[in-house]
C-alpha atoms as a PDB file:
ATOM      1  CA  MET A   1     -81.638-206.596 -11.383  1.00  0.00           C
ATOM      2  CA  SER A   2     -79.216-203.779 -10.517  1.00  0.00           C
ATOM      3  CA  ARG A   3     -76.995-203.774  -7.462  1.00  0.00           C
ATOM      4  CA  HIS A   4     -79.012-200.841  -6.105  1.00  0.00           C
ATOM      5  CA  GLU A   5     -82.219-202.880  -6.301  1.00  0.00           C
ATOM      6  CA  GLU A   6     -80.554-205.894  -4.713  1.00  0.00           C
ATOM      7  CA  HIS A   7     -78.913-203.994  -1.889  1.00  0.00           C
ATOM      8  CA  ALA A   8     -81.143-200.981  -1.257  1.00  0.00           C
ATOM      9  CA  PRO A   9     -80.152-199.922   2.279  1.00  0.00           C
ATOM     10  CA  ARG A  10     -82.774-199.511   4.947  1.00  0.00           C
ATOM     11  CA  ILE A  11     -83.129-195.917   6.167  1.00  0.00           C
ATOM     12  CA  VAL A  12     -83.630-195.492   9.913  1.00  0.00           C
ATOM     13  CA  ARG A  13     -84.293-192.235  11.722  1.00  0.00           C
ATOM     14  CA  THR A  14     -83.824-193.023  15.408  1.00  0.00           C
ATOM     15  CA  VAL A  15     -81.045-194.442  17.555  1.00  0.00           C
ATOM     16  CA  ALA A  16     -83.423-197.135  18.800  1.00  0.00           C
ATOM     17  CA  GLU A  17     -84.099-198.279  15.223  1.00  0.00           C
ATOM     18  CA  LEU A  18     -80.399-198.239  14.417  1.00  0.00           C
ATOM     19  CA  LYS A  19     -79.594-200.404  17.426  1.00  0.00           C
ATOM     20  CA  ALA A  20     -82.436-202.851  16.773  1.00  0.00           C
ATOM     21  CA  VAL A  21     -81.820-203.346  13.062  1.00  0.00           C
ATOM     22  CA  GLY A  22     -78.051-203.467  13.545  1.00  0.00           C
ATOM     23  CA  ARG A  23     -78.475-206.208  16.112  1.00  0.00           C
ATOM     24  CA  GLU A  24     -80.719-208.210  13.763  1.00  0.00           C
ATOM     25  CA  LEU A  25     -78.193-207.999  10.929  1.00  0.00           C
ATOM     26  CA  LEU A  26     -75.255-208.953  13.154  1.00  0.00           C
ATOM     27  CA  GLU A  27     -77.141-211.925  14.570  1.00  0.00           C
ATOM     28  CA  ALA A  28     -78.031-213.045  11.048  1.00  0.00           C
ATOM     29  CA  ALA A  29     -74.357-212.812  10.028  1.00  0.00           C
ATOM     30  CA  ALA A  30     -73.301-214.885  13.044  1.00  0.00           C
ATOM     31  CA  ALA A  31     -75.983-217.477  12.292  1.00  0.00           C
ATOM     32  CA  GLU A  32     -74.557-217.820   8.772  1.00  0.00           C
ATOM     33  CA  GLY A  33     -71.090-218.432  10.173  1.00  0.00           C
ATOM     34  CA  ARG A  34     -69.732-215.021   9.146  1.00  0.00           C
ATOM     35  CA  GLU A  35     -67.756-212.677  11.381  1.00  0.00           C
ATOM     36  CA  ALA A  36     -70.251-210.504  13.288  1.00  0.00           C
ATOM     37  CA  SER A  37     -68.545-207.243  12.335  1.00  0.00           C
ATOM     38  CA  LEU A  38     -69.985-203.759  11.883  1.00  0.00           C
ATOM     39  CA  GLY A  39     -68.443-200.966   9.828  1.00  0.00           C
ATOM     40  CA  LEU A  40     -69.610-197.386  10.509  1.00  0.00           C
ATOM     41  CA  VAL A  41     -69.132-194.681   7.876  1.00  0.00           C
ATOM     42  CA  PRO A  42     -69.921-191.236   9.358  1.00  0.00           C
ATOM     43  CA  THR A  43     -70.850-188.622   6.735  1.00  0.00           C
ATOM     44  CA  MET A  44     -72.686-185.319   6.426  1.00  0.00           C
ATOM     45  CA  GLY A  45     -74.415-186.481   3.265  1.00  0.00           C
ATOM     46  CA  ALA A  46     -73.757-184.927  -0.153  1.00  0.00           C
ATOM     47  CA  LEU A  47     -72.129-188.241  -0.998  1.00  0.00           C
ATOM     48  CA  HIS A  48     -69.686-188.592  -3.888  1.00  0.00           C
ATOM     49  CA  GLU A  49     -67.177-191.141  -5.176  1.00  0.00           C
ATOM     50  CA  GLY A  50     -64.898-190.491  -2.201  1.00  0.00           C
ATOM     51  CA  HIS A  51     -67.658-191.531   0.196  1.00  0.00           C
ATOM     52  CA  ALA A  52     -68.443-194.514  -2.027  1.00  0.00           C
ATOM     53  CA  ARG A  53     -64.839-195.657  -1.588  1.00  0.00           C
ATOM     54  CA  LEU A  54     -65.256-195.472   2.206  1.00  0.00           C
ATOM     55  CA  ILE A  55     -68.455-197.502   2.050  1.00  0.00           C
ATOM     56  CA  ALA A  56     -66.970-200.044  -0.355  1.00  0.00           C
ATOM     57  CA  GLN A  57     -63.992-200.657   1.927  1.00  0.00           C
ATOM     58  CA  ALA A  58     -66.341-201.065   4.896  1.00  0.00           C
ATOM     59  CA  ARG A  59     -68.349-203.531   2.763  1.00  0.00           C
ATOM     60  CA  ASP A  60     -65.219-205.548   1.992  1.00  0.00           C
ATOM     61  CA  GLU A  61     -64.263-205.790   5.649  1.00  0.00           C
ATOM     62  CA  ASN A  62     -67.558-206.159   7.527  1.00  0.00           C
ATOM     63  CA  ALA A  63     -70.762-208.164   7.651  1.00  0.00           C
ATOM     64  CA  VAL A  64     -72.848-205.041   8.330  1.00  0.00           C
ATOM     65  CA  VAL A  65     -72.259-201.527   6.969  1.00  0.00           C
ATOM     66  CA  VAL A  66     -73.926-198.459   8.471  1.00  0.00           C
ATOM     67  CA  VAL A  67     -73.690-195.016   6.845  1.00  0.00           C
ATOM     68  CA  THR A  68     -74.657-191.978   8.891  1.00  0.00           C
ATOM     69  CA  ASP A  69     -76.150-189.045   6.975  1.00  0.00           C
ATOM     70  CA  PHE A  70     -76.395-186.024   9.270  1.00  0.00           C
ATOM     71  CA  VAL A  71     -75.451-182.387   8.687  1.00  0.00           C
ATOM     72  CA  ASN A  72     -73.964-181.332  12.009  1.00  0.00           C
ATOM     73  CA  ARG A  73     -74.759-177.713  12.847  1.00  0.00           C
ATOM     74  CA  LEU A  74     -71.990-177.584  15.480  1.00  0.00           C
ATOM     75  CA  GLN A  75     -69.288-177.827  12.808  1.00  0.00           C
ATOM     76  CA  PHE A  76     -70.328-174.603  11.052  1.00  0.00           C
ATOM     77  CA  ASP A  77     -69.168-171.191  12.227  1.00  0.00           C
ATOM     78  CA  ASP A  78     -71.296-169.593   9.495  1.00  0.00           C
ATOM     79  CA  SER A  79     -75.052-170.249   9.629  1.00  0.00           C
ATOM     80  CA  ALA A  80     -75.388-169.418   5.923  1.00  0.00           C
ATOM     81  CA  ASP A  81     -72.814-172.111   5.108  1.00  0.00           C
ATOM     82  CA  PHE A  82     -74.836-174.571   7.189  1.00  0.00           C
ATOM     83  CA  GLU A  83     -78.082-173.688   5.414  1.00  0.00           C
ATOM     84  CA  ARG A  84     -76.635-173.971   1.905  1.00  0.00           C
ATOM     85  CA  TYR A  85     -74.927-177.309   2.568  1.00  0.00           C
ATOM     86  CA  PRO A  86     -76.449-179.736   0.032  1.00  0.00           C
ATOM     87  CA  ARG A  87     -79.026-182.220   1.337  1.00  0.00           C
ATOM     88  CA  ASP A  88     -80.401-184.973  -0.907  1.00  0.00           C
ATOM     89  CA  LEU A  89     -81.094-188.183   0.979  1.00  0.00           C
ATOM     90  CA  GLU A  90     -82.453-189.962  -2.094  1.00  0.00           C
ATOM     91  CA  ALA A  91     -79.255-189.309  -4.060  1.00  0.00           C
ATOM     92  CA  ASP A  92     -77.151-190.268  -1.052  1.00  0.00           C
ATOM     93  CA  ALA A  93     -79.080-193.526  -0.665  1.00  0.00           C
ATOM     94  CA  ALA A  94     -78.425-194.416  -4.306  1.00  0.00           C
ATOM     95  CA  ILE A  95     -74.675-193.930  -3.901  1.00  0.00           C
ATOM     96  CA  ALA A  96     -74.657-195.801  -0.590  1.00  0.00           C
ATOM     97  CA  ALA A  97     -76.600-198.659  -2.181  1.00  0.00           C
ATOM     98  CA  GLY A  98     -74.196-198.930  -5.086  1.00  0.00           C
ATOM     99  CA  ALA A  99     -71.272-199.164  -2.660  1.00  0.00           C
ATOM    100  CA  GLY A 100     -72.969-201.853  -0.562  1.00  0.00           C
ATOM    101  CA  ALA A 101     -74.400-200.152   2.535  1.00  0.00           C
ATOM    102  CA  ASP A 102     -76.952-202.051   4.629  1.00  0.00           C
ATOM    103  CA  LEU A 103     -78.283-199.197   6.749  1.00  0.00           C
ATOM    104  CA  ILE A 104     -78.454-195.419   6.517  1.00  0.00           C
ATOM    105  CA  PHE A 105     -78.891-193.577   9.790  1.00  0.00           C
ATOM    106  CA  ALA A 106     -80.442-190.216   8.811  1.00  0.00           C
ATOM    107  CA  PRO A 107     -81.715-188.645  12.034  1.00  0.00           C
ATOM    108  CA  GLU A 108     -83.507-185.360  12.524  1.00  0.00           C
ATOM    109  CA  GLU A 109     -81.509-182.781  14.469  1.00  0.00           C
ATOM    110  CA  ARG A 110     -83.679-183.262  17.550  1.00  0.00           C
ATOM    111  CA  GLU A 111     -82.738-186.960  17.650  1.00  0.00           C
ATOM    112  CA  VAL A 112     -79.054-186.094  17.991  1.00  0.00           C
ATOM    113  CA  TYR A 113     -79.481-182.908  20.051  1.00  0.00           C
ATOM    114  CA  PRO A 114     -82.829-183.295  21.872  1.00  0.00           C
ATOM    115  CA  ASP A 115     -82.185-180.222  24.053  1.00  0.00           C
ATOM    116  CA  GLY A 116     -80.892-178.047  21.262  1.00  0.00           C
ATOM    117  CA  ARG A 117     -77.225-177.032  21.302  1.00  0.00           C
ATOM    118  CA  PRO A 118     -75.512-179.200  23.936  1.00  0.00           C
ATOM    119  CA  ARG A 119     -74.089-177.455  26.960  1.00  0.00           C
ATOM    120  CA  VAL A 120     -71.125-179.828  27.091  1.00  0.00           C
ATOM    121  CA  LEU A 121     -68.940-180.312  24.011  1.00  0.00           C
ATOM    122  CA  LEU A 122     -65.780-182.338  23.600  1.00  0.00           C
ATOM    123  CA  SER A 123     -62.604-180.373  23.049  1.00  0.00           C
ATOM    124  CA  ALA A 124     -60.125-181.209  20.306  1.00  0.00           C
ATOM    125  CA  GLY A 125     -57.431-179.559  22.434  1.00  0.00           C
ATOM    126  CA  THR A 126     -54.217-178.368  20.826  1.00  0.00           C
ATOM    127  CA  LEU A 127     -54.742-180.651  17.816  1.00  0.00           C
ATOM    128  CA  GLY A 128     -57.787-178.580  16.880  1.00  0.00           C
ATOM    129  CA  GLU A 129     -56.340-175.103  17.352  1.00  0.00           C
ATOM    130  CA  ARG A 130     -54.217-174.817  14.222  1.00  0.00           C
ATOM    131  CA  PHE A 131     -54.734-175.076  10.477  1.00  0.00           C
ATOM    132  CA  GLU A 132     -58.462-175.680   9.904  1.00  0.00           C
ATOM    133  CA  GLY A 133     -59.131-174.968  13.573  1.00  0.00           C
ATOM    134  CA  ALA A 134     -57.570-171.520  13.277  1.00  0.00           C
ATOM    135  CA  SER A 135     -59.643-170.718  10.192  1.00  0.00           C
ATOM    136  CA  ARG A 136     -62.874-172.223  11.583  1.00  0.00           C
ATOM    137  CA  PRO A 137     -62.992-171.659  15.360  1.00  0.00           C
ATOM    138  CA  GLY A 138     -64.965-174.356  17.167  1.00  0.00           C
ATOM    139  CA  HIS A 139     -65.195-176.576  14.082  1.00  0.00           C
ATOM    140  CA  PHE A 140     -63.281-179.501  15.512  1.00  0.00           C
ATOM    141  CA  ASP A 141     -65.012-179.354  18.885  1.00  0.00           C
ATOM    142  CA  GLY A 142     -68.334-179.622  17.051  1.00  0.00           C
ATOM    143  CA  MET A 143     -67.025-182.414  14.832  1.00  0.00           C
ATOM    144  CA  LEU A 144     -65.616-184.355  17.766  1.00  0.00           C
ATOM    145  CA  THR A 145     -68.843-184.024  19.744  1.00  0.00           C
ATOM    146  CA  VAL A 146     -70.989-185.490  16.980  1.00  0.00           C
ATOM    147  CA  VAL A 147     -68.460-188.197  16.082  1.00  0.00           C
ATOM    148  CA  ALA A 148     -68.382-189.273  19.731  1.00  0.00           C
ATOM    149  CA  LYS A 149     -72.169-189.582  19.661  1.00  0.00           C
ATOM    150  CA  LEU A 150     -72.226-191.396  16.305  1.00  0.00           C
ATOM    151  CA  LEU A 151     -69.611-193.885  17.481  1.00  0.00           C
ATOM    152  CA  HIS A 152     -71.807-194.591  20.504  1.00  0.00           C
ATOM    153  CA  TYR A 153     -74.906-194.960  18.338  1.00  0.00           C
ATOM    154  CA  GLY A 154     -73.211-197.410  15.980  1.00  0.00           C
ATOM    155  CA  MET A 155     -71.581-199.451  18.732  1.00  0.00           C
ATOM    156  CA  PRO A 156     -72.947-203.005  18.569  1.00  0.00           C
ATOM    157  CA  ASP A 157     -75.444-203.848  21.298  1.00  0.00           C
ATOM    158  CA  PRO A 158     -73.757-205.812  24.136  1.00  0.00           C
ATOM    159  CA  ALA A 159     -76.429-208.480  23.590  1.00  0.00           C
ATOM    160  CA  THR A 160     -75.123-209.216  20.072  1.00  0.00           C
ATOM    161  CA  PRO A 161     -72.624-212.049  19.538  1.00  0.00           C
ATOM    162  CA  ALA A 162     -69.551-211.790  21.750  1.00  0.00           C
ATOM    163  CA  ALA A 163     -67.229-211.870  18.728  1.00  0.00           C
ATOM    164  CA  THR A 164     -68.584-208.602  17.288  1.00  0.00           C
ATOM    165  CA  THR A 165     -65.888-206.416  15.705  1.00  0.00           C
ATOM    166  CA  TYR A 166     -66.464-202.675  15.369  1.00  0.00           C
ATOM    167  CA  ARG A 167     -64.706-200.460  12.818  1.00  0.00           C
ATOM    168  CA  ALA A 168     -65.231-196.837  11.703  1.00  0.00           C
ATOM    169  CA  TYR A 169     -64.098-195.423   8.355  1.00  0.00           C
ATOM    170  CA  PHE A 170     -62.746-191.917   7.736  1.00  0.00           C
ATOM    171  CA  GLY A 171     -61.223-190.401   4.609  1.00  0.00           C
ATOM    172  CA  GLN A 172     -57.622-189.256   4.654  1.00  0.00           C
ATOM    173  CA  LYS A 173     -58.578-186.069   2.803  1.00  0.00           C
ATOM    174  CA  ASP A 174     -59.586-184.539   6.136  1.00  0.00           C
ATOM    175  CA  ALA A 175     -56.199-185.347   7.658  1.00  0.00           C
ATOM    176  CA  GLN A 176     -56.562-183.117  10.709  1.00  0.00           C
ATOM    177  CA  GLN A 177     -60.010-184.541  11.448  1.00  0.00           C
ATOM    178  CA  LEU A 178     -58.642-188.077  11.131  1.00  0.00           C
ATOM    179  CA  ALA A 179     -55.790-187.336  13.542  1.00  0.00           C
ATOM    180  CA  ILE A 180     -58.206-185.858  16.087  1.00  0.00           C
ATOM    181  CA  VAL A 181     -60.648-188.781  15.830  1.00  0.00           C
ATOM    182  CA  ARG A 182     -57.782-191.214  16.344  1.00  0.00           C
ATOM    183  CA  ARG A 183     -56.820-189.375  19.529  1.00  0.00           C
ATOM    184  CA  LEU A 184     -60.438-189.445  20.694  1.00  0.00           C
ATOM    185  CA  VAL A 185     -60.545-193.227  20.335  1.00  0.00           C
ATOM    186  CA  HIS A 186     -57.123-193.665  21.924  1.00  0.00           C
ATOM    187  CA  ASP A 187     -57.460-191.200  24.784  1.00  0.00           C
ATOM    188  CA  LEU A 188     -61.063-192.052  25.738  1.00  0.00           C
ATOM    189  CA  ASP A 189     -60.779-195.839  25.181  1.00  0.00           C
ATOM    190  CA  TYR A 190     -63.464-196.266  22.544  1.00  0.00           C
ATOM    191  CA  PRO A 191     -63.828-199.951  21.556  1.00  0.00           C
ATOM    192  CA  VAL A 192     -63.580-199.218  17.833  1.00  0.00           C
ATOM    193  CA  THR A 193     -60.844-199.528  15.204  1.00  0.00           C
ATOM    194  CA  ILE A 194     -60.397-196.437  13.036  1.00  0.00           C
ATOM    195  CA  ARG A 195     -59.807-197.362   9.400  1.00  0.00           C
ATOM    196  CA  PRO A 196     -58.394-194.549   7.220  1.00  0.00           C
ATOM    197  CA  VAL A 197     -59.208-194.633   3.487  1.00  0.00           C
ATOM    198  CA  PRO A 198     -56.967-192.917   0.897  1.00  0.00           C
ATOM    199  CA  ILE A 199     -58.018-189.763  -0.927  1.00  0.00           C
ATOM    200  CA  VAL A 200     -60.034-190.198  -4.116  1.00  0.00           C
ATOM    201  CA  ARG A 201     -59.024-187.754  -6.849  1.00  0.00           C
ATOM    202  CA  SER A 202     -60.445-186.628 -10.167  1.00  0.00           C
ATOM    203  CA  ALA A 203     -58.631-187.546 -13.367  1.00  0.00           C
ATOM    204  CA  GLY A 204     -56.762-184.244 -13.090  1.00  0.00           C
ATOM    205  CA  GLY A 205     -55.779-184.816  -9.464  1.00  0.00           C
ATOM    206  CA  LEU A 206     -58.303-182.665  -7.572  1.00  0.00           C
ATOM    207  CA  ALA A 207     -59.272-184.259  -4.250  1.00  0.00           C
ATOM    208  CA  LEU A 208     -62.991-185.073  -4.320  1.00  0.00           C
ATOM    209  CA  SER A 209     -65.068-182.968  -1.942  1.00  0.00           C
ATOM    210  CA  SER A 210     -68.701-182.034  -1.464  1.00  0.00           C
ATOM    211  CA  ARG A 211     -67.580-178.424  -1.955  1.00  0.00           C
ATOM    212  CA  ASN A 212     -66.264-179.041  -5.455  1.00  0.00           C
ATOM    213  CA  ARG A 213     -69.800-178.680  -6.811  1.00  0.00           C
ATOM    214  CA  PHE A 214     -69.584-174.949  -6.058  1.00  0.00           C
ATOM    215  CA  LEU A 215     -66.604-174.526  -8.425  1.00  0.00           C
ATOM    216  CA  THR A 216     -66.932-173.477 -12.050  1.00  0.00           C
ATOM    217  CA  ASP A 217     -64.985-175.445 -14.661  1.00  0.00           C
ATOM    218  CA  GLU A 218     -62.395-172.674 -14.773  1.00  0.00           C
ATOM    219  CA  GLN A 219     -62.047-172.688 -10.986  1.00  0.00           C
ATOM    220  CA  SER A 220     -61.737-176.487 -10.922  1.00  0.00           C
ATOM    221  CA  ASP A 221     -58.846-176.214 -13.370  1.00  0.00           C
ATOM    222  CA  ALA A 222     -57.208-173.522 -11.236  1.00  0.00           C
ATOM    223  CA  ALA A 223     -57.593-175.683  -8.111  1.00  0.00           C
ATOM    224  CA  LEU A 224     -55.432-178.418  -9.650  1.00  0.00           C
ATOM    225  CA  VAL A 225     -52.386-176.415  -8.560  1.00  0.00           C
ATOM    226  CA  LEU A 226     -52.997-177.730  -5.033  1.00  0.00           C
ATOM    227  CA  SER A 227     -52.499-181.369  -5.961  1.00  0.00           C
ATOM    228  CA  ARG A 228     -49.602-180.483  -8.293  1.00  0.00           C
ATOM    229  CA  SER A 229     -47.792-178.855  -5.389  1.00  0.00           C
ATOM    230  CA  LEU A 230     -48.403-181.901  -3.180  1.00  0.00           C
ATOM    231  CA  PHE A 231     -47.184-184.383  -5.787  1.00  0.00           C
ATOM    232  CA  LEU A 232     -44.068-182.244  -6.198  1.00  0.00           C
ATOM    233  CA  MET A 233     -43.400-182.792  -2.482  1.00  0.00           C
ATOM    234  CA  LYS A 234     -44.021-186.510  -2.882  1.00  0.00           C
ATOM    235  CA  GLN A 235     -41.589-186.819  -5.778  1.00  0.00           C
ATOM    236  CA  ARG A 236     -38.875-185.172  -3.710  1.00  0.00           C
ATOM    237  CA  ALA A 237     -39.612-187.261  -0.626  1.00  0.00           C
ATOM    238  CA  ASP A 238     -39.561-190.475  -2.675  1.00  0.00           C
ATOM    239  CA  ALA A 239     -36.155-189.490  -4.006  1.00  0.00           C
ATOM    240  CA  ARG A 240     -34.875-188.493  -0.525  1.00  0.00           C
ATOM    241  CA  LEU A 241     -34.263-184.938  -1.743  1.00  0.00           C
ATOM    242  CA  PRO A 242     -34.778-181.746   0.259  1.00  0.00           C
ATOM    243  CA  LEU A 243     -38.503-180.894   0.046  1.00  0.00           C
ATOM    244  CA  GLN A 244     -38.033-177.165  -0.556  1.00  0.00           C
ATOM    245  CA  PRO A 245     -41.672-176.306   0.274  1.00  0.00           C
ATOM    246  CA  ALA A 246     -41.112-172.656  -0.625  1.00  0.00           C
ATOM    247  CA  GLU A 247     -41.148-173.657  -4.291  1.00  0.00           C
ATOM    248  CA  ALA A 248     -44.538-175.351  -3.893  1.00  0.00           C
ATOM    249  CA  VAL A 249     -45.869-172.300  -2.074  1.00  0.00           C
ATOM    250  CA  ALA A 250     -44.693-170.049  -4.886  1.00  0.00           C
ATOM    251  CA  MET A 251     -46.399-172.333  -7.408  1.00  0.00           C
ATOM    252  CA  ILE A 252     -49.742-171.940  -5.615  1.00  0.00           C
ATOM    253  CA  GLU A 253     -49.390-168.211  -5.037  1.00  0.00           C
ATOM    254  CA  SER A 254     -48.727-167.640  -8.743  1.00  0.00           C
ATOM    255  CA  ALA A 255     -51.967-169.405  -9.768  1.00  0.00           C
ATOM    256  CA  THR A 256     -54.772-167.065 -10.849  1.00  0.00           C
ATOM    257  CA  GLY A 257     -57.832-167.089  -8.597  1.00  0.00           C
ATOM    258  CA  VAL A 258     -56.205-169.184  -5.845  1.00  0.00           C
ATOM    259  CA  GLU A 259     -55.725-167.620  -2.411  1.00  0.00           C
ATOM    260  CA  LEU A 260     -53.420-169.735  -0.223  1.00  0.00           C
ATOM    261  CA  ASP A 261     -54.257-170.080   3.474  1.00  0.00           C
ATOM    262  CA  TYR A 262     -51.503-172.453   4.574  1.00  0.00           C
ATOM    263  CA  PHE A 263     -49.003-174.968   3.231  1.00  0.00           C
ATOM    264  CA  GLU A 264     -47.220-176.865   5.976  1.00  0.00           C
ATOM    265  CA  VAL A 265     -45.099-180.001   6.385  1.00  0.00           C
ATOM    266  CA  VAL A 266     -45.987-181.631   9.704  1.00  0.00           C
ATOM    267  CA  ASP A 267     -45.515-184.721  11.841  1.00  0.00           C
ATOM    268  CA  PRO A 268     -48.339-187.157  10.894  1.00  0.00           C
ATOM    269  CA  GLY A 269     -49.205-187.977  14.505  1.00  0.00           C
ATOM    270  CA  THR A 270     -48.877-184.671  16.339  1.00  0.00           C
ATOM    271  CA  LEU A 271     -49.461-182.271  13.407  1.00  0.00           C
ATOM    272  CA  GLU A 272     -46.528-180.244  14.690  1.00  0.00           C
ATOM    273  CA  PRO A 273     -44.593-178.521  11.887  1.00  0.00           C
ATOM    274  CA  LEU A 274     -41.309-180.224  11.053  1.00  0.00           C
ATOM    275  CA  ALA A 275     -38.345-178.091  11.984  1.00  0.00           C
ATOM    276  CA  PHE A 276     -36.024-180.140   9.775  1.00  0.00           C
ATOM    277  CA  ASN A 277     -36.099-182.330   6.655  1.00  0.00           C
ATOM    278  CA  CYS A 278     -37.650-179.640   4.520  1.00  0.00           C
ATOM    279  CA  ALA A 279     -35.616-176.928   2.930  1.00  0.00           C
ATOM    280  CA  GLU A 280     -31.989-178.029   2.735  1.00  0.00           C
ATOM    281  CA  THR A 281     -31.408-181.509   4.184  1.00  0.00           C
ATOM    282  CA  PRO A 282     -32.314-184.740   2.326  1.00  0.00           C
ATOM    283  CA  PHE A 283     -35.755-185.943   3.399  1.00  0.00           C
ATOM    284  CA  SER A 284     -35.973-189.004   5.661  1.00  0.00           C
ATOM    285  CA  GLY A 285     -38.648-190.632   7.770  1.00  0.00           C
ATOM    286  CA  GLU A 286     -42.306-189.681   7.427  1.00  0.00           C
ATOM    287  CA  ALA A 287     -44.280-186.456   7.165  1.00  0.00           C
ATOM    288  CA  LEU A 288     -47.626-185.064   6.088  1.00  0.00           C
ATOM    289  CA  VAL A 289     -48.112-182.016   3.863  1.00  0.00           C
ATOM    290  CA  LEU A 290     -51.242-179.981   4.577  1.00  0.00           C
ATOM    291  CA  VAL A 291     -52.627-177.314   2.258  1.00  0.00           C
ATOM    292  CA  ALA A 292     -55.709-175.101   2.289  1.00  0.00           C
ATOM    293  CA  ALA A 293     -56.755-172.393  -0.140  1.00  0.00           C
ATOM    294  CA  ARG A 294     -59.766-170.489  -1.402  1.00  0.00           C
ATOM    295  CA  VAL A 295     -60.644-170.826  -5.064  1.00  0.00           C
ATOM    296  CA  GLY A 296     -63.444-168.546  -6.221  1.00  0.00           C
ATOM    297  CA  GLY A 297     -64.589-168.167  -2.613  1.00  0.00           C
ATOM    298  CA  VAL A 298     -64.703-171.945  -2.055  1.00  0.00           C
ATOM    299  CA  ARG A 299     -62.393-173.225   0.663  1.00  0.00           C
ATOM    300  CA  LEU A 300     -60.532-176.404  -0.355  1.00  0.00           C
ATOM    301  CA  ILE A 301     -58.187-178.619   1.648  1.00  0.00           C
ATOM    302  CA  ASP A 302     -55.834-181.377   0.557  1.00  0.00           C
ATOM    303  CA  ASN A 303     -52.863-183.283   1.908  1.00  0.00           C
ATOM    304  CA  MET A 304     -50.165-185.782   1.012  1.00  0.00           C
ATOM    305  CA  PRO A 305     -48.432-188.342   3.253  1.00  0.00           C
ATOM    306  CA  LEU A 306     -44.687-188.528   2.621  1.00  0.00           C
ATOM    307  CA  THR A 307     -42.299-191.419   3.174  1.00  0.00           C
ATOM    308  CA  ALA A 308     -38.661-191.387   2.149  1.00  0.00           C
ATOM    309  CA  GLY A 309     -38.317-193.672  -0.863  1.00  0.00           C
END
């Protein structure tokens, strides 16, 4: 019997079902003497190996794993982009099963937004105004609003065992999103631990993304310049050399079919650009390199955490 057959996750469509089944699974874990812990993996579907890594880590660390599968309209500034976003719940369920998910929460839009577009949205503040926020106005406010709701939905019922631990898993590929979600949890006192999971890359180094399926083979090869530029920064940081980001920028700008949006070295917590440690002085401390570019009309993002070697 395959792992998928043994661990086929249950698909629920409503918050009430999610709460009820989650409570049953947590109580069963407690009865077996296991930690009554729940790991939430928020996704917009179109699952790939990167998502599988998130789910697998949640599986390793929790008694119950819930994957959300919901395409959030509020995150799209282009309705055509929203409509063409891939949706295949059956394929998603197979990947989630293979990685060990127990539950998939796949609600209809009216379950999440019963009155249509909400009149009140959370604001990502200054963290959401730059980089991806500048290119996609309103994106992070929409993301933060749905993540706030999903974290509430997944929160273990107060009637479950008192020792319940709650964790949520986010990929480091969306570094700006991760930073904003961390501030949400910190600033608004959410009782959840945010667990970042490292980027999963192809054999050539391309960060896995649901958008990669829109690239031709030639465009995928061209996109590898993004990761090459990031690993160049990492090599220099590891060696405590000046980062010289202008060289990485020139590398990207010389690549055929790649249109650079931004390449920036920032503080990992505040996302403020570093005013030192880059061009001429030996690198020390920590930093995060953010890059975004269009390849064949497909917008790709990537990043690399840096620590002096």
